[in-house]
């Protein structure tokens, strides 16, 4: 997909989907991991599993071979892989950099409150919301080697910073 490949991570409500949409709107090559790569599977084996409820989060994984194939395709200058995956450790080393969108708990809560009741983390999904808030607090799902981006800023500024840092990472490798 890109001569430079970047992963955009963050907790639910941090703005990954909005950032991906804005990157696409600006003409960048960006992949919505939840829509294009994700399935419910065992993070260790990759085998598909039948899950329900909270287990969905723990089994939201990406097709490993598809990720590898996309990373090897060098037609675009940069490709951004957006969203989260529980089998991240199997492919995180393929990316030139990992960006983590960070928000404070007040911003996170406000964004979750704006979601429909039946949407992931929406007001009608209290156990899911509890999980999101715990993961936000503990950062247990976040990759350790990452570049933090303040995602409380306006979307335009968040994407500007991502693009600037992505280009700077490319310049540093030359």
C-alpha atoms as a PDB file:
ATOM      1  CA  UNK A   1       0.000   0.000   0.000  1.00  0.00           C
ATOM      2  CA  UNK A   2       2.615   2.539   0.880  1.00  0.00           C
ATOM      3  CA  UNK A   3       6.313   3.051   0.713  1.00  0.00           C
ATOM      4  CA  UNK A   4       5.759   4.195   4.299  1.00  0.00           C
ATOM      5  CA  UNK A   5       3.101   2.477   6.423  1.00  0.00           C
ATOM      6  CA  UNK A   6       1.669   3.893   9.634  1.00  0.00           C
ATOM      7  CA  UNK A   7      -0.679   2.507  12.240  1.00  0.00           C
ATOM      8  CA  UNK A   8      -3.126   4.816  13.990  1.00  0.00           C
ATOM      9  CA  UNK A   9      -4.266   3.381  17.321  1.00  0.00           C
ATOM     10  CA  UNK A  10      -6.085   4.645  20.390  1.00  0.00           C
ATOM     11  CA  UNK A  11      -8.865   3.724  22.751  1.00  0.00           C
ATOM     12  CA  UNK A  12     -12.479   3.633  21.647  1.00  0.00           C
ATOM     13  CA  UNK A  13     -13.596   7.241  21.403  1.00  0.00           C
ATOM     14  CA  UNK A  14     -10.144   8.637  20.702  1.00  0.00           C
ATOM     15  CA  UNK A  15     -11.049   9.579  17.125  1.00  0.00           C
ATOM     16  CA  UNK A  16      -9.522   6.834  14.971  1.00  0.00           C
ATOM     17  CA  UNK A  17     -12.496   6.579  12.613  1.00  0.00           C
ATOM     18  CA  UNK A  18     -12.815  10.357  12.248  1.00  0.00           C
ATOM     19  CA  UNK A  19      -9.080  10.664  11.565  1.00  0.00           C
ATOM     20  CA  UNK A  20      -9.261   7.911   8.947  1.00  0.00           C
ATOM     21  CA  UNK A  21     -12.233   9.591   7.249  1.00  0.00           C
ATOM     22  CA  UNK A  22     -10.364  12.924   7.207  1.00  0.00           C
ATOM     23  CA  UNK A  23      -7.217  11.315   5.770  1.00  0.00           C
ATOM     24  CA  UNK A  24      -9.306   9.813   2.966  1.00  0.00           C
ATOM     25  CA  UNK A  25     -11.069  13.157   2.417  1.00  0.00           C
ATOM     26  CA  UNK A  26      -7.640  14.769   1.984  1.00  0.00           C
ATOM     27  CA  UNK A  27      -6.653  12.225  -0.651  1.00  0.00           C
ATOM     28  CA  UNK A  28      -4.433  10.044   1.531  1.00  0.00           C
ATOM     29  CA  UNK A  29      -4.487   6.298   1.310  1.00  0.00           C
ATOM     30  CA  UNK A  30      -6.082   5.134   4.556  1.00  0.00           C
ATOM     31  CA  UNK A  31      -7.564   1.794   5.534  1.00  0.00           C
ATOM     32  CA  UNK A  32     -10.425   1.454   8.010  1.00  0.00           C
ATOM     33  CA  UNK A  33      -9.230  -1.640   9.864  1.00  0.00           C
ATOM     34  CA  UNK A  34     -12.620  -2.276  11.475  1.00  0.00           C
ATOM     35  CA  UNK A  35     -14.353  -2.228   8.102  1.00  0.00           C
ATOM     36  CA  UNK A  36     -11.717  -3.708   5.794  1.00  0.00           C
ATOM     37  CA  UNK A  37      -9.497  -6.028   7.834  1.00  0.00           C
ATOM     38  CA  UNK A  38     -11.296  -7.067  11.025  1.00  0.00           C
ATOM     39  CA  UNK A  39     -13.043 -10.252  11.978  1.00  0.00           C
ATOM     40  CA  UNK A  40     -13.762 -12.123  15.198  1.00  0.00           C
ATOM     41  CA  UNK A  41     -10.927 -14.565  15.801  1.00  0.00           C
ATOM     42  CA  UNK A  42      -8.464 -15.997  18.267  1.00  0.00           C
ATOM     43  CA  UNK A  43      -5.627 -13.443  18.643  1.00  0.00           C
ATOM     44  CA  UNK A  44      -3.044 -16.233  18.984  1.00  0.00           C
ATOM     45  CA  UNK A  45      -4.094 -18.623  16.226  1.00  0.00           C
ATOM     46  CA  UNK A  46      -6.120 -16.375  13.913  1.00  0.00           C
ATOM     47  CA  UNK A  47      -8.920 -18.953  13.779  1.00  0.00           C
ATOM     48  CA  UNK A  48     -12.390 -17.468  13.481  1.00  0.00           C
ATOM     49  CA  UNK A  49     -14.494 -17.703  16.648  1.00  0.00           C
ATOM     50  CA  UNK A  50     -18.148 -17.145  17.459  1.00  0.00           C
ATOM     51  CA  UNK A  51     -18.382 -14.489  20.180  1.00  0.00           C
ATOM     52  CA  UNK A  52     -20.957 -12.224  21.733  1.00  0.00           C
ATOM     53  CA  UNK A  53     -21.069  -9.349  24.187  1.00  0.00           C
ATOM     54  CA  UNK A  54     -17.833  -8.081  25.714  1.00  0.00           C
ATOM     55  CA  UNK A  55     -15.757 -10.834  24.147  1.00  0.00           C
ATOM     56  CA  UNK A  56     -16.094  -9.029  20.840  1.00  0.00           C
ATOM     57  CA  UNK A  57     -13.361  -6.593  21.889  1.00  0.00           C
ATOM     58  CA  UNK A  58     -10.940  -9.351  22.876  1.00  0.00           C
ATOM     59  CA  UNK A  59     -11.427 -11.154  19.567  1.00  0.00           C
ATOM     60  CA  UNK A  60     -11.413  -8.191  17.161  1.00  0.00           C
ATOM     61  CA  UNK A  61      -8.389  -9.109  15.032  1.00  0.00           C
ATOM     62  CA  UNK A  62      -7.050  -8.362  11.577  1.00  0.00           C
ATOM     63  CA  UNK A  63      -6.258 -10.880   8.855  1.00  0.00           C
ATOM     64  CA  UNK A  64      -2.485 -11.194   9.239  1.00  0.00           C
ATOM     65  CA  UNK A  65      -1.701 -12.207   5.653  1.00  0.00           C
ATOM     66  CA  UNK A  66      -3.856  -9.384   4.297  1.00  0.00           C
ATOM     67  CA  UNK A  67      -1.978  -6.848   6.440  1.00  0.00           C
ATOM     68  CA  UNK A  68       1.363  -8.230   5.219  1.00  0.00           C
ATOM     69  CA  UNK A  69       0.245  -8.077   1.590  1.00  0.00           C
ATOM     70  CA  UNK A  70      -0.981  -4.490   1.942  1.00  0.00           C
ATOM     71  CA  UNK A  71       2.261  -3.378   3.619  1.00  0.00           C
ATOM     72  CA  UNK A  72       4.355  -4.914   0.799  1.00  0.00           C
ATOM     73  CA  UNK A  73       2.443  -2.980  -1.892  1.00  0.00           C
ATOM     74  CA  UNK A  74       4.507   0.188  -2.476  1.00  0.00           C
ATOM     75  CA  UNK A  75       2.339   2.091  -4.986  1.00  0.00           C
ATOM     76  CA  UNK A  76       1.373   4.895  -2.595  1.00  0.00           C
ATOM     77  CA  UNK A  77       3.766   7.243  -0.811  1.00  0.00           C
ATOM     78  CA  UNK A  78       2.091   6.619   2.553  1.00  0.00           C
ATOM     79  CA  UNK A  79      -0.638   4.333   3.833  1.00  0.00           C
ATOM     80  CA  UNK A  80      -2.404   4.732   7.150  1.00  0.00           C
ATOM     81  CA  UNK A  81      -3.939   1.704   8.857  1.00  0.00           C
ATOM     82  CA  UNK A  82      -6.551   2.952  11.315  1.00  0.00           C
ATOM     83  CA  UNK A  83      -8.396   1.276  14.200  1.00  0.00           C
ATOM     84  CA  UNK A  84      -7.470  -1.419  16.685  1.00  0.00           C
ATOM     85  CA  UNK A  85      -6.674  -5.100  16.592  1.00  0.00           C
ATOM     86  CA  UNK A  86      -6.044  -7.574  19.388  1.00  0.00           C
ATOM     87  CA  UNK A  87      -3.447  -9.448  17.305  1.00  0.00           C
ATOM     88  CA  UNK A  88      -1.427  -6.260  16.814  1.00  0.00           C
ATOM     89  CA  UNK A  89       1.757  -7.796  18.205  1.00  0.00           C
ATOM     90  CA  UNK A  90       1.866 -10.182  15.245  1.00  0.00           C
ATOM     91  CA  UNK A  91       2.321  -7.323  12.751  1.00  0.00           C
ATOM     92  CA  UNK A  92       3.195  -4.093  14.591  1.00  0.00           C
ATOM     93  CA  UNK A  93       6.831  -4.380  13.482  1.00  0.00           C
ATOM     94  CA  UNK A  94       5.732  -4.019   9.841  1.00  0.00           C
ATOM     95  CA  UNK A  95       4.870  -0.340  10.376  1.00  0.00           C
ATOM     96  CA  UNK A  96       7.287   2.538  10.042  1.00  0.00           C
ATOM     97  CA  UNK A  97       5.653   4.215  13.037  1.00  0.00           C
ATOM     98  CA  UNK A  98       2.683   3.768  15.335  1.00  0.00           C
ATOM     99  CA  UNK A  99       0.628   6.794  16.351  1.00  0.00           C
ATOM    100  CA  UNK A 100      -1.617   6.619  19.403  1.00  0.00           C
ATOM    101  CA  UNK A 101      -4.444   9.117  19.642  1.00  0.00           C
ATOM    102  CA  UNK A 102      -4.791  10.248  23.247  1.00  0.00           C
ATOM    103  CA  UNK A 103      -7.718  11.959  24.921  1.00  0.00           C
ATOM    104  CA  UNK A 104      -8.491  12.801  28.531  1.00  0.00           C
ATOM    105  CA  UNK A 105     -11.292  10.974  30.323  1.00  0.00           C
ATOM    106  CA  UNK A 106     -13.645  13.974  30.049  1.00  0.00           C
ATOM    107  CA  UNK A 107     -13.268  14.091  26.266  1.00  0.00           C
ATOM    108  CA  UNK A 108     -13.652  10.329  26.045  1.00  0.00           C
ATOM    109  CA  UNK A 109     -16.823  10.374  28.151  1.00  0.00           C
ATOM    110  CA  UNK A 110     -18.291  13.237  26.091  1.00  0.00           C
ATOM    111  CA  UNK A 111     -17.591  11.359  22.851  1.00  0.00           C
ATOM    112  CA  UNK A 112     -19.103   8.130  24.183  1.00  0.00           C
ATOM    113  CA  UNK A 113     -22.174  10.072  25.380  1.00  0.00           C
ATOM    114  CA  UNK A 114     -22.658  11.323  21.813  1.00  0.00           C
ATOM    115  CA  UNK A 115     -22.877   7.780  20.449  1.00  0.00           C
ATOM    116  CA  UNK A 116     -26.196   6.070  19.827  1.00  0.00           C
ATOM    117  CA  UNK A 117     -27.377   3.848  22.668  1.00  0.00           C
ATOM    118  CA  UNK A 118     -26.783   0.685  20.621  1.00  0.00           C
ATOM    119  CA  UNK A 119     -23.368   1.779  19.288  1.00  0.00           C
ATOM    120  CA  UNK A 120     -20.115   0.394  20.791  1.00  0.00           C
ATOM    121  CA  UNK A 121     -19.633   2.310  24.052  1.00  0.00           C
ATOM    122  CA  UNK A 122     -22.924   4.190  23.706  1.00  0.00           C
ATOM    123  CA  UNK A 123     -25.026   5.016  26.750  1.00  0.00           C
ATOM    124  CA  UNK A 124     -27.058   1.824  26.443  1.00  0.00           C
ATOM    125  CA  UNK A 125     -23.914  -0.351  26.598  1.00  0.00           C
ATOM    126  CA  UNK A 126     -22.741   0.168  30.208  1.00  0.00           C
ATOM    127  CA  UNK A 127     -20.512  -2.924  30.469  1.00  0.00           C
ATOM    128  CA  UNK A 128     -18.807  -1.982  27.217  1.00  0.00           C
ATOM    129  CA  UNK A 129     -18.378   1.584  28.465  1.00  0.00           C
ATOM    130  CA  UNK A 130     -16.811   0.257  31.686  1.00  0.00           C
ATOM    131  CA  UNK A 131     -14.369  -1.777  29.583  1.00  0.00           C
ATOM    132  CA  UNK A 132     -13.498   1.264  27.436  1.00  0.00           C
ATOM    133  CA  UNK A 133     -12.856   3.418  30.500  1.00  0.00           C
ATOM    134  CA  UNK A 134     -10.700   0.711  32.108  1.00  0.00           C
ATOM    135  CA  UNK A 135      -8.631   0.267  28.949  1.00  0.00           C
ATOM    136  CA  UNK A 136      -8.253   4.036  28.679  1.00  0.00           C
ATOM    137  CA  UNK A 137      -6.997   4.194  32.262  1.00  0.00           C
ATOM    138  CA  UNK A 138      -4.633   1.190  32.107  1.00  0.00           C
ATOM    139  CA  UNK A 139      -3.467   1.595  28.468  1.00  0.00           C
ATOM    140  CA  UNK A 140      -3.098  -2.206  28.407  1.00  0.00           C
ATOM    141  CA  UNK A 141      -4.154  -2.435  24.750  1.00  0.00           C
ATOM    142  CA  UNK A 142      -1.765   0.238  23.486  1.00  0.00           C
ATOM    143  CA  UNK A 143       1.538  -0.511  21.764  1.00  0.00           C
ATOM    144  CA  UNK A 144       4.532   0.533  23.869  1.00  0.00           C
ATOM    145  CA  UNK A 145       6.682   2.015  21.086  1.00  0.00           C
ATOM    146  CA  UNK A 146       4.425   4.746  19.758  1.00  0.00           C
ATOM    147  CA  UNK A 147       4.147   8.437  19.011  1.00  0.00           C
ATOM    148  CA  UNK A 148       1.456  10.121  21.081  1.00  0.00           C
ATOM    149  CA  UNK A 149      -0.925  12.538  19.385  1.00  0.00           C
ATOM    150  CA  UNK A 150      -3.201  14.869  21.359  1.00  0.00           C
ATOM    151  CA  UNK A 151      -6.585  13.957  19.898  1.00  0.00           C
ATOM    152  CA  UNK A 152      -8.480  16.517  21.986  1.00  0.00           C
ATOM    153  CA  UNK A 153      -7.479  19.135  19.407  1.00  0.00           C
ATOM    154  CA  UNK A 154      -9.807  19.852  16.467  1.00  0.00           C
ATOM    155  CA  UNK A 155      -9.793  17.059  13.878  1.00  0.00           C
ATOM    156  CA  UNK A 156      -8.067  19.231  11.264  1.00  0.00           C
ATOM    157  CA  UNK A 157      -5.167  19.892  13.657  1.00  0.00           C
ATOM    158  CA  UNK A 158      -4.893  16.225  14.687  1.00  0.00           C
ATOM    159  CA  UNK A 159      -4.607  15.136  11.045  1.00  0.00           C
ATOM    160  CA  UNK A 160      -2.173  17.973  10.260  1.00  0.00           C
ATOM    161  CA  UNK A 161       0.078  16.737  13.069  1.00  0.00           C
ATOM    162  CA  UNK A 162      -0.173  13.113  11.923  1.00  0.00           C
ATOM    163  CA  UNK A 163       0.804  14.078   8.386  1.00  0.00           C
ATOM    164  CA  UNK A 164       3.656  16.284   9.570  1.00  0.00           C
ATOM    165  CA  UNK A 165       5.051  13.563  11.820  1.00  0.00           C
ATOM    166  CA  UNK A 166       4.615  10.925   9.110  1.00  0.00           C
ATOM    167  CA  UNK A 167       6.555  13.013   6.624  1.00  0.00           C
ATOM    168  CA  UNK A 168       9.224  13.761   9.239  1.00  0.00           C
ATOM    169  CA  UNK A 169       9.604  10.022   9.913  1.00  0.00           C
ATOM    170  CA  UNK A 170      10.166   9.502   6.189  1.00  0.00           C
ATOM    171  CA  UNK A 171      12.742  12.290   6.025  1.00  0.00           C
ATOM    172  CA  UNK A 172      14.657  10.836   8.981  1.00  0.00           C
ATOM    173  CA  UNK A 173      15.068   7.523   7.138  1.00  0.00           C
ATOM    174  CA  UNK A 174      16.687   9.117   4.069  1.00  0.00           C
END
